[in-house]
Amino acid sequence: MTTRRTFAALLGATALAVTALPAAAQEVTLKLHQFLPAQANVPKLILDVWADNVEESSGGRIEVERYPSMQLGGSPPQLIDQAIDGVADVVWTVVGYTPGRFPSTEVFELPFMVTDARAGSAAYWQMFEEHMQDEFADVKILGTWIHGPGMIHSDVPVSTPDDMKGLKIRGATRQVNALLQALGAEPVGMPVPAIPEALSKGVIDGTTIPWEVTPALKLTELVENHTEFEGAHLYNVTFVLAMNKDRYESLPDDLKAAIDENSGLEFSIFAGGTQSDADGPSREVALDAGNTIITVSEEEAEAWREAAQPVYDTWLAEMEERGIDGQALIDQARQLMADYEGGS
């Protein structure tokens, strides 16, 4: 009897001791999905940095699994819906891969709108917070940014708008394709990963992308001519880093904080600036290959601006039909970018 009572007492004490132990720290694995190879500049210099910082800020309780080159399946235009549906927890994508779905973001894709990627990315985040959250209501947006100067890479030299006439040029988004059409080219829409095969098979005569991504695509081996612009960028493309909303809301407050402190305005500026900074080394690859780089001066770009004006007129009319004050978005974007550049 004594032995049984002693055992029962010990069992009860053990149970109390186990109950008193602190709960095990929650472990969370997030799947990050995107369309470029892991060694490309954006995954290597931006997305991996974000993921590593989140893991560190969480004290190791969050692990970010990285899935490049659409390894979780689907195509790049499906990424935003993969974030909404939970196929992936976090995605990085080109907003314009789903044309017209996020119309307010297109203000940063208009021709000759942006002169600096950091300023544009800062303005983009500020305007996202003020104007665009309804458009992205189905996801948790972690970052918004643009790349450096958009340019033309082609198998024939391009110096003037007349040189664009009749060329089949790949464009990433609705607004870039509208610009190509206004310049007399034949726009061909496709995601970045499809560019090398399209060039090698002669489906397109050239493509619009910034310098930084050209090494990952081995573009300097596929075309010999590159047209860049001094001053304002010929065009830009908008990006988002987006998270499944339910996944974010399911996290405890301290793990939400680990996500939040590595996202937002400063991260967006870092991302846009880092992507733009990668243009220089990538440009050197083209020079080393002996390719031709054509630089359009600001004075020479005036003819390009005039040819591109219909893009603004059409976009403003489309925004009005949607009940969006497009001119107000343009004015605010320009002011925010000017404020950033004036204060930097």
C-alpha atoms as a PDB file:
ATOM      1  CA  MET A   1       0.000   0.000   0.000  1.00  0.00           C
ATOM      2  CA  THR A   2       2.798   2.393   0.909  1.00  0.00           C
ATOM      3  CA  THR A   3       4.604   1.601  -2.316  1.00  0.00           C
ATOM      4  CA  ARG A   4       1.465   2.250  -4.369  1.00  0.00           C
ATOM      5  CA  ARG A   5       0.864   5.564  -2.571  1.00  0.00           C
ATOM      6  CA  THR A   6       4.484   6.619  -3.066  1.00  0.00           C
ATOM      7  CA  PHE A   7       4.319   5.751  -6.787  1.00  0.00           C
ATOM      8  CA  ALA A   8       1.044   7.682  -7.178  1.00  0.00           C
ATOM      9  CA  ALA A   9       2.555  10.700  -5.469  1.00  0.00           C
ATOM     10  CA  LEU A  10       5.636  10.543  -7.668  1.00  0.00           C
ATOM     11  CA  LEU A  11       3.443  10.221 -10.780  1.00  0.00           C
ATOM     12  CA  GLY A  12       1.410  13.263  -9.726  1.00  0.00           C
ATOM     13  CA  ALA A  13       4.542  15.296  -9.048  1.00  0.00           C
ATOM     14  CA  THR A  14       5.943  14.345 -12.450  1.00  0.00           C
ATOM     15  CA  ALA A  15       2.724  15.401 -14.162  1.00  0.00           C
ATOM     16  CA  LEU A  16       2.830  18.767 -12.405  1.00  0.00           C
ATOM     17  CA  ALA A  17       6.435  19.231 -13.398  1.00  0.00           C
ATOM     18  CA  VAL A  18       5.693  18.479 -17.068  1.00  0.00           C
ATOM     19  CA  THR A  19       2.725  20.866 -17.006  1.00  0.00           C
ATOM     20  CA  ALA A  20       4.922  23.587 -15.605  1.00  0.00           C
ATOM     21  CA  LEU A  21       7.461  23.323 -18.436  1.00  0.00           C
ATOM     22  CA  PRO A  22       7.272  26.133 -21.019  1.00  0.00           C
ATOM     23  CA  ALA A  23       5.515  25.257 -24.286  1.00  0.00           C
ATOM     24  CA  ALA A  24       7.850  24.288 -27.110  1.00  0.00           C
ATOM     25  CA  ALA A  25       8.631  27.151 -29.467  1.00  0.00           C
ATOM     26  CA  GLN A  26       6.467  27.085 -32.571  1.00  0.00           C
ATOM     27  CA  GLU A  27       8.365  25.979 -35.688  1.00  0.00           C
ATOM     28  CA  VAL A  28       7.143  27.374 -39.004  1.00  0.00           C
ATOM     29  CA  THR A  29       8.236  26.491 -42.535  1.00  0.00           C
ATOM     30  CA  LEU A  30       7.407  28.948 -45.302  1.00  0.00           C
ATOM     31  CA  LYS A  31       7.653  28.017 -48.978  1.00  0.00           C
ATOM     32  CA  LEU A  32       9.002  30.880 -51.118  1.00  0.00           C
ATOM     33  CA  HIS A  33       8.269  30.412 -54.828  1.00  0.00           C
ATOM     34  CA  GLN A  34       9.548  32.433 -57.798  1.00  0.00           C
ATOM     35  CA  PHE A  35      10.377  32.117 -61.488  1.00  0.00           C
ATOM     36  CA  LEU A  36      14.116  32.806 -61.848  1.00  0.00           C
ATOM     37  CA  PRO A  37      17.047  30.399 -61.361  1.00  0.00           C
ATOM     38  CA  ALA A  38      18.488  30.457 -57.847  1.00  0.00           C
ATOM     39  CA  GLN A  39      21.750  32.019 -59.063  1.00  0.00           C
ATOM     40  CA  ALA A  40      20.032  35.005 -60.725  1.00  0.00           C
ATOM     41  CA  ASN A  41      20.487  38.392 -59.098  1.00  0.00           C
ATOM     42  CA  VAL A  42      17.031  38.847 -57.561  1.00  0.00           C
ATOM     43  CA  PRO A  43      16.966  35.477 -55.748  1.00  0.00           C
ATOM     44  CA  LYS A  44      20.626  35.719 -54.762  1.00  0.00           C
ATOM     45  CA  LEU A  45      20.822  39.384 -53.725  1.00  0.00           C
ATOM     46  CA  ILE A  46      17.274  40.151 -52.552  1.00  0.00           C
ATOM     47  CA  LEU A  47      15.047  37.150 -51.844  1.00  0.00           C
ATOM     48  CA  ASP A  48      17.724  35.104 -50.077  1.00  0.00           C
ATOM     49  CA  VAL A  49      18.671  38.140 -47.998  1.00  0.00           C
ATOM     50  CA  TRP A  50      15.028  38.641 -47.004  1.00  0.00           C
ATOM     51  CA  ALA A  51      14.605  34.946 -46.160  1.00  0.00           C
ATOM     52  CA  ASP A  52      17.847  34.781 -44.169  1.00  0.00           C
ATOM     53  CA  ASN A  53      16.903  37.895 -42.210  1.00  0.00           C
ATOM     54  CA  VAL A  54      13.452  36.532 -41.392  1.00  0.00           C
ATOM     55  CA  GLU A  55      14.989  33.284 -40.169  1.00  0.00           C
ATOM     56  CA  GLU A  56      17.447  35.194 -37.996  1.00  0.00           C
ATOM     57  CA  SER A  57      14.817  37.598 -36.641  1.00  0.00           C
ATOM     58  CA  SER A  58      12.635  34.641 -35.662  1.00  0.00           C
ATOM     59  CA  GLY A  59      15.461  33.044 -33.690  1.00  0.00           C
ATOM     60  CA  GLY A  60      15.391  30.099 -36.053  1.00  0.00           C
ATOM     61  CA  ARG A  61      11.700  29.386 -35.484  1.00  0.00           C
ATOM     62  CA  ILE A  62      10.884  30.272 -39.091  1.00  0.00           C
ATOM     63  CA  GLU A  63      12.536  28.359 -41.904  1.00  0.00           C
ATOM     64  CA  VAL A  64      12.109  29.722 -45.426  1.00  0.00           C
ATOM     65  CA  GLU A  65      12.351  27.028 -48.076  1.00  0.00           C
ATOM     66  CA  ARG A  66      13.322  28.557 -51.435  1.00  0.00           C
ATOM     67  CA  TYR A  67      11.838  27.187 -54.649  1.00  0.00           C
ATOM     68  CA  PRO A  68      13.327  28.846 -57.764  1.00  0.00           C
ATOM     69  CA  SER A  69      12.393  28.359 -61.428  1.00  0.00           C
ATOM     70  CA  MET A  70       8.749  27.472 -60.675  1.00  0.00           C
ATOM     71  CA  GLN A  71       9.750  24.253 -58.907  1.00  0.00           C
ATOM     72  CA  LEU A  72       6.370  24.032 -57.161  1.00  0.00           C
ATOM     73  CA  GLY A  73       4.704  23.889 -60.566  1.00  0.00           C
ATOM     74  CA  GLY A  74       2.615  26.253 -62.620  1.00  0.00           C
ATOM     75  CA  SER A  75       3.718  29.206 -64.722  1.00  0.00           C
ATOM     76  CA  PRO A  76       4.905  32.693 -63.669  1.00  0.00           C
ATOM     77  CA  PRO A  77       1.501  34.343 -64.316  1.00  0.00           C
ATOM     78  CA  GLN A  78      -0.004  31.917 -61.775  1.00  0.00           C
ATOM     79  CA  LEU A  79       2.255  32.977 -58.908  1.00  0.00           C
ATOM     80  CA  ILE A  80      -0.054  35.581 -57.381  1.00  0.00           C
ATOM     81  CA  ASP A  81      -2.893  33.045 -57.292  1.00  0.00           C
ATOM     82  CA  GLN A  82      -0.544  30.471 -55.767  1.00  0.00           C
ATOM     83  CA  ALA A  83      -0.037  32.909 -52.896  1.00  0.00           C
ATOM     84  CA  ILE A  84      -3.786  33.455 -52.594  1.00  0.00           C
ATOM     85  CA  ASP A  85      -4.599  29.735 -52.737  1.00  0.00           C
ATOM     86  CA  GLY A  86      -1.761  28.618 -50.458  1.00  0.00           C
ATOM     87  CA  VAL A  87       0.155  26.595 -53.047  1.00  0.00           C
ATOM     88  CA  ALA A  88       3.083  28.706 -51.847  1.00  0.00           C
ATOM     89  CA  ASP A  89       3.331  30.732 -48.660  1.00  0.00           C
ATOM     90  CA  VAL A  90       5.321  33.576 -50.224  1.00  0.00           C
ATOM     91  CA  VAL A  91       5.825  34.494 -53.889  1.00  0.00           C
ATOM     92  CA  TRP A  92       7.864  37.019 -55.798  1.00  0.00           C
ATOM     93  CA  THR A  93       6.293  38.003 -59.087  1.00  0.00           C
ATOM     94  CA  VAL A  94       5.870  40.604 -61.799  1.00  0.00           C
ATOM     95  CA  VAL A  95       2.557  42.327 -61.103  1.00  0.00           C
ATOM     96  CA  GLY A  96       1.845  42.796 -64.805  1.00  0.00           C
ATOM     97  CA  TYR A  97       1.964  39.057 -65.507  1.00  0.00           C
ATOM     98  CA  THR A  98      -1.768  39.261 -64.772  1.00  0.00           C
ATOM     99  CA  PRO A  99      -2.762  42.162 -67.090  1.00  0.00           C
ATOM    100  CA  GLY A 100      -5.181  44.772 -65.761  1.00  0.00           C
ATOM    101  CA  ARG A 101      -5.696  43.017 -62.432  1.00  0.00           C
ATOM    102  CA  PHE A 102      -3.779  45.585 -60.366  1.00  0.00           C
ATOM    103  CA  PRO A 103      -4.311  48.743 -62.416  1.00  0.00           C
ATOM    104  CA  SER A 104      -2.960  51.341 -59.994  1.00  0.00           C
ATOM    105  CA  THR A 105       0.518  49.774 -60.038  1.00  0.00           C
ATOM    106  CA  GLU A 106       0.770  50.554 -63.741  1.00  0.00           C
ATOM    107  CA  VAL A 107       1.537  54.197 -62.956  1.00  0.00           C
ATOM    108  CA  PHE A 108       5.152  53.110 -62.367  1.00  0.00           C
ATOM    109  CA  GLU A 109       5.276  51.269 -65.706  1.00  0.00           C
ATOM    110  CA  LEU A 110       4.468  54.288 -67.849  1.00  0.00           C
ATOM    111  CA  PRO A 111       7.212  55.389 -70.281  1.00  0.00           C
ATOM    112  CA  PHE A 112       9.840  57.794 -68.962  1.00  0.00           C
ATOM    113  CA  MET A 113       8.095  57.929 -65.588  1.00  0.00           C
ATOM    114  CA  VAL A 114      10.964  56.861 -63.324  1.00  0.00           C
ATOM    115  CA  THR A 115      14.539  58.109 -63.082  1.00  0.00           C
ATOM    116  CA  ASP A 116      15.740  56.169 -60.028  1.00  0.00           C
ATOM    117  CA  ALA A 117      14.790  52.686 -58.818  1.00  0.00           C
ATOM    118  CA  ARG A 118      15.105  53.530 -55.119  1.00  0.00           C
ATOM    119  CA  ALA A 119      12.919  56.612 -55.471  1.00  0.00           C
ATOM    120  CA  GLY A 120      10.395  54.687 -57.549  1.00  0.00           C
ATOM    121  CA  SER A 121      10.287  51.776 -55.105  1.00  0.00           C
ATOM    122  CA  ALA A 122       9.809  54.130 -52.147  1.00  0.00           C
ATOM    123  CA  ALA A 123       6.965  55.933 -53.911  1.00  0.00           C
ATOM    124  CA  TYR A 124       5.436  52.593 -54.936  1.00  0.00           C
ATOM    125  CA  TRP A 125       5.281  51.383 -51.302  1.00  0.00           C
ATOM    126  CA  GLN A 126       3.837  54.659 -50.059  1.00  0.00           C
ATOM    127  CA  MET A 127       1.183  54.636 -52.758  1.00  0.00           C
ATOM    128  CA  PHE A 128       0.477  50.952 -52.152  1.00  0.00           C
ATOM    129  CA  GLU A 129      -0.335  51.765 -48.533  1.00  0.00           C
ATOM    130  CA  GLU A 130      -2.569  54.668 -49.553  1.00  0.00           C
ATOM    131  CA  HIS A 131      -4.225  53.520 -52.771  1.00  0.00           C
ATOM    132  CA  MET A 132      -3.580  49.900 -53.667  1.00  0.00           C
ATOM    133  CA  GLN A 133      -4.460  47.748 -50.663  1.00  0.00           C
ATOM    134  CA  ASP A 134      -7.932  47.031 -51.987  1.00  0.00           C
ATOM    135  CA  GLU A 135      -6.436  45.720 -55.232  1.00  0.00           C
ATOM    136  CA  PHE A 136      -4.226  43.352 -53.192  1.00  0.00           C
ATOM    137  CA  ALA A 137      -6.843  42.519 -50.567  1.00  0.00           C
ATOM    138  CA  ASP A 138      -6.414  38.760 -51.050  1.00  0.00           C
ATOM    139  CA  VAL A 139      -2.726  38.688 -50.059  1.00  0.00           C
ATOM    140  CA  LYS A 140      -0.358  40.151 -47.489  1.00  0.00           C
ATOM    141  CA  ILE A 141       2.067  42.401 -49.399  1.00  0.00           C
ATOM    142  CA  LEU A 142       5.577  42.385 -47.932  1.00  0.00           C
ATOM    143  CA  GLY A 143       7.415  44.491 -50.507  1.00  0.00           C
ATOM    144  CA  THR A 144       6.833  46.543 -53.652  1.00  0.00           C
ATOM    145  CA  TRP A 145       9.601  47.603 -55.995  1.00  0.00           C
ATOM    146  CA  ILE A 146      10.740  48.346 -59.525  1.00  0.00           C
ATOM    147  CA  HIS A 147      13.932  47.515 -61.393  1.00  0.00           C
ATOM    148  CA  GLY A 148      16.559  49.823 -62.855  1.00  0.00           C
ATOM    149  CA  PRO A 149      16.362  51.347 -66.347  1.00  0.00           C
ATOM    150  CA  GLY A 150      14.315  49.299 -68.775  1.00  0.00           C
ATOM    151  CA  MET A 151      15.994  48.828 -72.137  1.00  0.00           C
ATOM    152  CA  ILE A 152      15.917  47.013 -75.470  1.00  0.00           C
ATOM    153  CA  HIS A 153      18.095  44.049 -76.435  1.00  0.00           C
ATOM    154  CA  SER A 154      17.849  43.112 -80.104  1.00  0.00           C
ATOM    155  CA  ASP A 155      19.476  41.258 -82.974  1.00  0.00           C
ATOM    156  CA  VAL A 156      19.585  44.490 -85.019  1.00  0.00           C
ATOM    157  CA  PRO A 157      20.766  47.932 -83.841  1.00  0.00           C
ATOM    158  CA  VAL A 158      18.048  50.214 -82.449  1.00  0.00           C
ATOM    159  CA  SER A 159      18.777  53.940 -82.108  1.00  0.00           C
ATOM    160  CA  THR A 160      15.500  55.654 -83.007  1.00  0.00           C
ATOM    161  CA  PRO A 161      11.797  54.852 -82.802  1.00  0.00           C
ATOM    162  CA  ASP A 162      11.848  54.201 -86.556  1.00  0.00           C
ATOM    163  CA  ASP A 163      14.270  51.333 -85.953  1.00  0.00           C
ATOM    164  CA  MET A 164      11.574  49.603 -83.900  1.00  0.00           C
ATOM    165  CA  LYS A 165       9.084  49.378 -86.734  1.00  0.00           C
ATOM    166  CA  GLY A 166       8.162  45.814 -87.593  1.00  0.00           C
ATOM    167  CA  LEU A 167      10.378  44.197 -84.969  1.00  0.00           C
ATOM    168  CA  LYS A 168       8.867  41.445 -82.832  1.00  0.00           C
ATOM    169  CA  ILE A 169       9.853  42.472 -79.309  1.00  0.00           C
ATOM    170  CA  ARG A 170       9.010  40.633 -76.109  1.00  0.00           C
ATOM    171  CA  GLY A 171       7.255  42.679 -73.422  1.00  0.00           C
ATOM    172  CA  ALA A 172       6.563  41.723 -69.812  1.00  0.00           C
ATOM    173  CA  THR A 173       3.392  43.667 -69.084  1.00  0.00           C
ATOM    174  CA  ARG A 174       0.382  45.379 -70.597  1.00  0.00           C
ATOM    175  CA  GLN A 175       1.989  48.810 -70.424  1.00  0.00           C
ATOM    176  CA  VAL A 176       5.325  47.692 -71.856  1.00  0.00           C
ATOM    177  CA  ASN A 177       3.461  46.061 -74.736  1.00  0.00           C
ATOM    178  CA  ALA A 178       1.449  49.259 -75.244  1.00  0.00           C
ATOM    179  CA  LEU A 179       4.729  51.170 -75.474  1.00  0.00           C
ATOM    180  CA  LEU A 180       6.153  48.722 -78.004  1.00  0.00           C
ATOM    181  CA  GLN A 181       3.047  49.046 -80.131  1.00  0.00           C
ATOM    182  CA  ALA A 182       3.191  52.851 -79.970  1.00  0.00           C
ATOM    183  CA  LEU A 183       6.798  52.647 -81.207  1.00  0.00           C
ATOM    184  CA  GLY A 184       5.741  50.562 -84.205  1.00  0.00           C
ATOM    185  CA  ALA A 185       7.024  47.220 -82.971  1.00  0.00           C
ATOM    186  CA  GLU A 186       5.000  44.026 -82.716  1.00  0.00           C
ATOM    187  CA  PRO A 187       4.703  43.246 -79.002  1.00  0.00           C
ATOM    188  CA  VAL A 188       4.982  39.617 -77.931  1.00  0.00           C
ATOM    189  CA  GLY A 189       3.995  38.957 -74.329  1.00  0.00           C
ATOM    190  CA  MET A 190       5.867  36.282 -72.390  1.00  0.00           C
ATOM    191  CA  PRO A 191       7.479  35.769 -68.974  1.00  0.00           C
ATOM    192  CA  VAL A 192      11.237  36.136 -68.532  1.00  0.00           C
ATOM    193  CA  PRO A 193      12.083  32.383 -68.547  1.00  0.00           C
ATOM    194  CA  ALA A 194      10.669  32.012 -72.074  1.00  0.00           C
ATOM    195  CA  ILE A 195      12.987  34.642 -73.610  1.00  0.00           C
ATOM    196  CA  PRO A 196      16.068  32.522 -74.483  1.00  0.00           C
ATOM    197  CA  GLU A 197      14.139  29.897 -76.420  1.00  0.00           C
ATOM    198  CA  ALA A 198      12.042  32.543 -78.192  1.00  0.00           C
ATOM    199  CA  LEU A 199      15.192  34.370 -79.313  1.00  0.00           C
ATOM    200  CA  SER A 200      17.047  31.240 -80.358  1.00  0.00           C
ATOM    201  CA  LYS A 201      14.092  30.056 -82.453  1.00  0.00           C
ATOM    202  CA  GLY A 202      13.508  33.456 -84.052  1.00  0.00           C
ATOM    203  CA  VAL A 203      10.067  33.860 -82.495  1.00  0.00           C
ATOM    204  CA  ILE A 204      11.149  37.351 -81.390  1.00  0.00           C
ATOM    205  CA  ASP A 205      13.748  39.814 -82.681  1.00  0.00           C
ATOM    206  CA  GLY A 206      14.519  41.224 -79.275  1.00  0.00           C
ATOM    207  CA  THR A 207      13.305  41.765 -75.741  1.00  0.00           C
ATOM    208  CA  THR A 208      12.743  44.402 -73.108  1.00  0.00           C
ATOM    209  CA  ILE A 209      14.455  43.644 -69.794  1.00  0.00           C
ATOM    210  CA  PRO A 210      16.875  45.509 -67.518  1.00  0.00           C
ATOM    211  CA  TRP A 211      20.602  44.754 -67.608  1.00  0.00           C
ATOM    212  CA  GLU A 212      20.673  42.860 -64.315  1.00  0.00           C
ATOM    213  CA  VAL A 213      18.852  39.735 -65.481  1.00  0.00           C
ATOM    214  CA  THR A 214      20.736  39.333 -68.784  1.00  0.00           C
ATOM    215  CA  PRO A 215      23.530  37.059 -67.457  1.00  0.00           C
ATOM    216  CA  ALA A 216      21.039  34.569 -65.999  1.00  0.00           C
ATOM    217  CA  LEU A 217      19.442  34.306 -69.454  1.00  0.00           C
ATOM    218  CA  LYS A 218      22.814  34.249 -71.307  1.00  0.00           C
ATOM    219  CA  LEU A 219      21.320  37.054 -73.363  1.00  0.00           C
ATOM    220  CA  THR A 220      24.624  38.403 -74.658  1.00  0.00           C
ATOM    221  CA  GLU A 221      25.049  35.122 -76.533  1.00  0.00           C
ATOM    222  CA  LEU A 222      21.630  35.481 -78.185  1.00  0.00           C
ATOM    223  CA  VAL A 223      21.645  39.151 -79.290  1.00  0.00           C
ATOM    224  CA  GLU A 224      24.464  41.561 -80.071  1.00  0.00           C
ATOM    225  CA  ASN A 225      22.776  44.945 -79.627  1.00  0.00           C
ATOM    226  CA  HIS A 226      21.612  46.712 -76.466  1.00  0.00           C
ATOM    227  CA  THR A 227      19.839  50.084 -76.378  1.00  0.00           C
ATOM    228  CA  GLU A 228      19.915  52.064 -73.141  1.00  0.00           C
ATOM    229  CA  PHE A 229      18.641  55.554 -72.270  1.00  0.00           C
ATOM    230  CA  GLU A 230      20.173  58.429 -70.352  1.00  0.00           C
ATOM    231  CA  GLY A 231      17.930  60.143 -67.798  1.00  0.00           C
ATOM    232  CA  ALA A 232      14.398  58.848 -67.310  1.00  0.00           C
ATOM    233  CA  HIS A 233      13.869  55.123 -67.875  1.00  0.00           C
ATOM    234  CA  LEU A 234      12.235  54.005 -71.114  1.00  0.00           C
ATOM    235  CA  TYR A 235       9.966  51.826 -68.974  1.00  0.00           C
ATOM    236  CA  ASN A 236       9.807  49.922 -65.696  1.00  0.00           C
ATOM    237  CA  VAL A 237       8.117  46.794 -64.403  1.00  0.00           C
ATOM    238  CA  THR A 238       6.541  46.485 -60.958  1.00  0.00           C
ATOM    239  CA  PHE A 239       7.164  43.584 -58.568  1.00  0.00           C
ATOM    240  CA  VAL A 240       5.614  42.396 -55.319  1.00  0.00           C
ATOM    241  CA  LEU A 241       6.683  40.009 -52.595  1.00  0.00           C
ATOM    242  CA  ALA A 242       3.348  38.612 -51.439  1.00  0.00           C
ATOM    243  CA  MET A 243       2.346  36.197 -48.674  1.00  0.00           C
ATOM    244  CA  ASN A 244      -0.699  34.012 -48.195  1.00  0.00           C
ATOM    245  CA  LYS A 245      -2.962  36.040 -45.930  1.00  0.00           C
ATOM    246  CA  ASP A 246      -4.216  33.149 -43.768  1.00  0.00           C
ATOM    247  CA  ARG A 247      -0.676  31.859 -43.302  1.00  0.00           C
ATOM    248  CA  TYR A 248       0.460  35.253 -42.051  1.00  0.00           C
ATOM    249  CA  GLU A 249      -2.538  35.635 -39.739  1.00  0.00           C
ATOM    250  CA  SER A 250      -1.954  32.153 -38.282  1.00  0.00           C
ATOM    251  CA  LEU A 251       1.463  33.145 -36.943  1.00  0.00           C
ATOM    252  CA  PRO A 252       1.932  34.180 -33.313  1.00  0.00           C
ATOM    253  CA  ASP A 253       2.601  37.891 -32.820  1.00  0.00           C
ATOM    254  CA  ASP A 254       6.342  37.527 -32.384  1.00  0.00           C
ATOM    255  CA  LEU A 255       6.703  35.641 -35.664  1.00  0.00           C
ATOM    256  CA  LYS A 256       4.506  38.180 -37.439  1.00  0.00           C
ATOM    257  CA  ALA A 257       6.919  40.768 -36.068  1.00  0.00           C
ATOM    258  CA  ALA A 258       9.854  38.844 -37.583  1.00  0.00           C
ATOM    259  CA  ILE A 259       8.125  39.089 -40.973  1.00  0.00           C
ATOM    260  CA  ASP A 260       7.092  42.726 -40.528  1.00  0.00           C
ATOM    261  CA  GLU A 261      10.474  44.060 -39.466  1.00  0.00           C
ATOM    262  CA  ASN A 262      12.033  42.706 -42.649  1.00  0.00           C
ATOM    263  CA  SER A 263       9.285  43.964 -44.960  1.00  0.00           C
ATOM    264  CA  GLY A 264       7.709  47.269 -45.931  1.00  0.00           C
ATOM    265  CA  LEU A 265       9.218  50.575 -47.044  1.00  0.00           C
ATOM    266  CA  GLU A 266      12.891  50.028 -46.214  1.00  0.00           C
ATOM    267  CA  PHE A 267      12.889  46.529 -47.684  1.00  0.00           C
ATOM    268  CA  SER A 268      11.219  47.825 -50.867  1.00  0.00           C
ATOM    269  CA  ILE A 269      13.882  50.525 -51.276  1.00  0.00           C
ATOM    270  CA  PHE A 270      16.611  47.949 -50.624  1.00  0.00           C
ATOM    271  CA  ALA A 271      15.129  45.574 -53.199  1.00  0.00           C
ATOM    272  CA  GLY A 272      14.711  48.147 -55.951  1.00  0.00           C
ATOM    273  CA  GLY A 273      18.113  49.672 -55.290  1.00  0.00           C
ATOM    274  CA  THR A 274      19.886  46.318 -55.147  1.00  0.00           C
ATOM    275  CA  GLN A 275      18.306  45.182 -58.396  1.00  0.00           C
ATOM    276  CA  SER A 276      19.325  48.450 -60.051  1.00  0.00           C
ATOM    277  CA  ASP A 277      22.876  48.234 -58.670  1.00  0.00           C
ATOM    278  CA  ALA A 278      23.243  44.838 -60.348  1.00  0.00           C
ATOM    279  CA  ASP A 279      22.858  46.488 -63.767  1.00  0.00           C
ATOM    280  CA  GLY A 280      26.474  47.650 -63.880  1.00  0.00           C
ATOM    281  CA  PRO A 281      28.219  44.272 -63.578  1.00  0.00           C
ATOM    282  CA  SER A 282      25.738  42.759 -66.040  1.00  0.00           C
ATOM    283  CA  ARG A 283      26.451  45.535 -68.544  1.00  0.00           C
ATOM    284  CA  GLU A 284      30.144  44.672 -68.279  1.00  0.00           C
ATOM    285  CA  VAL A 285      29.328  41.130 -69.430  1.00  0.00           C
ATOM    286  CA  ALA A 286      27.943  42.556 -72.682  1.00  0.00           C
ATOM    287  CA  LEU A 287      31.001  44.766 -73.144  1.00  0.00           C
ATOM    288  CA  ASP A 288      33.333  41.839 -72.509  1.00  0.00           C
ATOM    289  CA  ALA A 289      31.428  39.855 -75.145  1.00  0.00           C
ATOM    290  CA  GLY A 290      32.110  42.614 -77.689  1.00  0.00           C
ATOM    291  CA  ASN A 291      28.445  43.471 -78.081  1.00  0.00           C
ATOM    292  CA  THR A 292      27.229  46.879 -79.255  1.00  0.00           C
ATOM    293  CA  ILE A 293      25.740  49.197 -76.632  1.00  0.00           C
ATOM    294  CA  ILE A 294      23.756  52.117 -78.022  1.00  0.00           C
ATOM    295  CA  THR A 295      23.128  54.938 -75.550  1.00  0.00           C
ATOM    296  CA  VAL A 296      20.236  57.274 -76.380  1.00  0.00           C
ATOM    297  CA  SER A 297      20.920  60.732 -74.967  1.00  0.00           C
ATOM    298  CA  GLU A 298      18.226  62.706 -73.162  1.00  0.00           C
ATOM    299  CA  GLU A 299      17.994  64.986 -76.199  1.00  0.00           C
ATOM    300  CA  GLU A 300      17.637  62.045 -78.573  1.00  0.00           C
ATOM    301  CA  ALA A 301      15.056  60.485 -76.250  1.00  0.00           C
ATOM    302  CA  GLU A 302      12.647  63.339 -76.993  1.00  0.00           C
ATOM    303  CA  ALA A 303      11.547  61.570 -80.182  1.00  0.00           C
ATOM    304  CA  TRP A 304      10.895  58.444 -78.136  1.00  0.00           C
ATOM    305  CA  ARG A 305       8.852  60.463 -75.608  1.00  0.00           C
ATOM    306  CA  GLU A 306       6.685  61.918 -78.377  1.00  0.00           C
ATOM    307  CA  ALA A 307       6.095  58.478 -79.866  1.00  0.00           C
ATOM    308  CA  ALA A 308       5.169  57.124 -76.404  1.00  0.00           C
ATOM    309  CA  GLN A 309       2.626  59.828 -75.517  1.00  0.00           C
ATOM    310  CA  PRO A 310      -0.389  57.771 -76.719  1.00  0.00           C
ATOM    311  CA  VAL A 311       0.402  55.255 -73.948  1.00  0.00           C
ATOM    312  CA  TYR A 312      -0.379  57.953 -71.366  1.00  0.00           C
ATOM    313  CA  ASP A 313      -3.545  59.062 -73.173  1.00  0.00           C
ATOM    314  CA  THR A 314      -4.889  55.521 -73.398  1.00  0.00           C
ATOM    315  CA  TRP A 315      -3.997  54.660 -69.811  1.00  0.00           C
ATOM    316  CA  LEU A 316      -5.653  57.777 -68.408  1.00  0.00           C
ATOM    317  CA  ALA A 317      -8.845  56.992 -70.339  1.00  0.00           C
ATOM    318  CA  GLU A 318      -8.809  53.393 -69.089  1.00  0.00           C
ATOM    319  CA  MET A 319      -8.303  54.505 -65.500  1.00  0.00           C
ATOM    320  CA  GLU A 320     -11.207  56.931 -65.787  1.00  0.00           C
ATOM    321  CA  GLU A 321     -13.420  54.077 -66.965  1.00  0.00           C
ATOM    322  CA  ARG A 322     -12.413  52.153 -63.827  1.00  0.00           C
ATOM    323  CA  GLY A 323     -13.202  55.104 -61.605  1.00  0.00           C
ATOM    324  CA  ILE A 324      -9.511  55.733 -60.868  1.00  0.00           C
ATOM    325  CA  ASP A 325      -7.976  59.203 -61.093  1.00  0.00           C
ATOM    326  CA  GLY A 326      -4.951  58.284 -63.159  1.00  0.00           C
ATOM    327  CA  GLN A 327      -3.583  61.812 -63.381  1.00  0.00           C
ATOM    328  CA  ALA A 328      -3.644  62.090 -59.590  1.00  0.00           C
ATOM    329  CA  LEU A 329      -1.619  58.855 -59.374  1.00  0.00           C
ATOM    330  CA  ILE A 330       0.905  60.218 -61.886  1.00  0.00           C
ATOM    331  CA  ASP A 331       1.216  63.520 -60.042  1.00  0.00           C
ATOM    332  CA  GLN A 332       1.629  61.863 -56.649  1.00  0.00           C
ATOM    333  CA  ALA A 333       4.175  59.340 -57.930  1.00  0.00           C
ATOM    334  CA  ARG A 334       6.255  62.112 -59.470  1.00  0.00           C
ATOM    335  CA  GLN A 335       6.094  64.194 -56.302  1.00  0.00           C
ATOM    336  CA  LEU A 336       7.039  61.294 -54.019  1.00  0.00           C
ATOM    337  CA  MET A 337       9.960  60.361 -56.246  1.00  0.00           C
ATOM    338  CA  ALA A 338      11.132  63.977 -56.344  1.00  0.00           C
ATOM    339  CA  ASP A 339      10.859  64.189 -52.562  1.00  0.00           C
ATOM    340  CA  TYR A 340      12.923  61.029 -52.160  1.00  0.00           C
ATOM    341  CA  GLU A 341      15.613  62.133 -54.568  1.00  0.00           C
ATOM    342  CA  GLY A 342      15.708  65.585 -53.022  1.00  0.00           C
ATOM    343  CA  GLY A 343      16.196  64.122 -49.564  1.00  0.00           C
ATOM    344  CA  SER A 344      18.674  61.389 -50.428  1.00  0.00           C
END
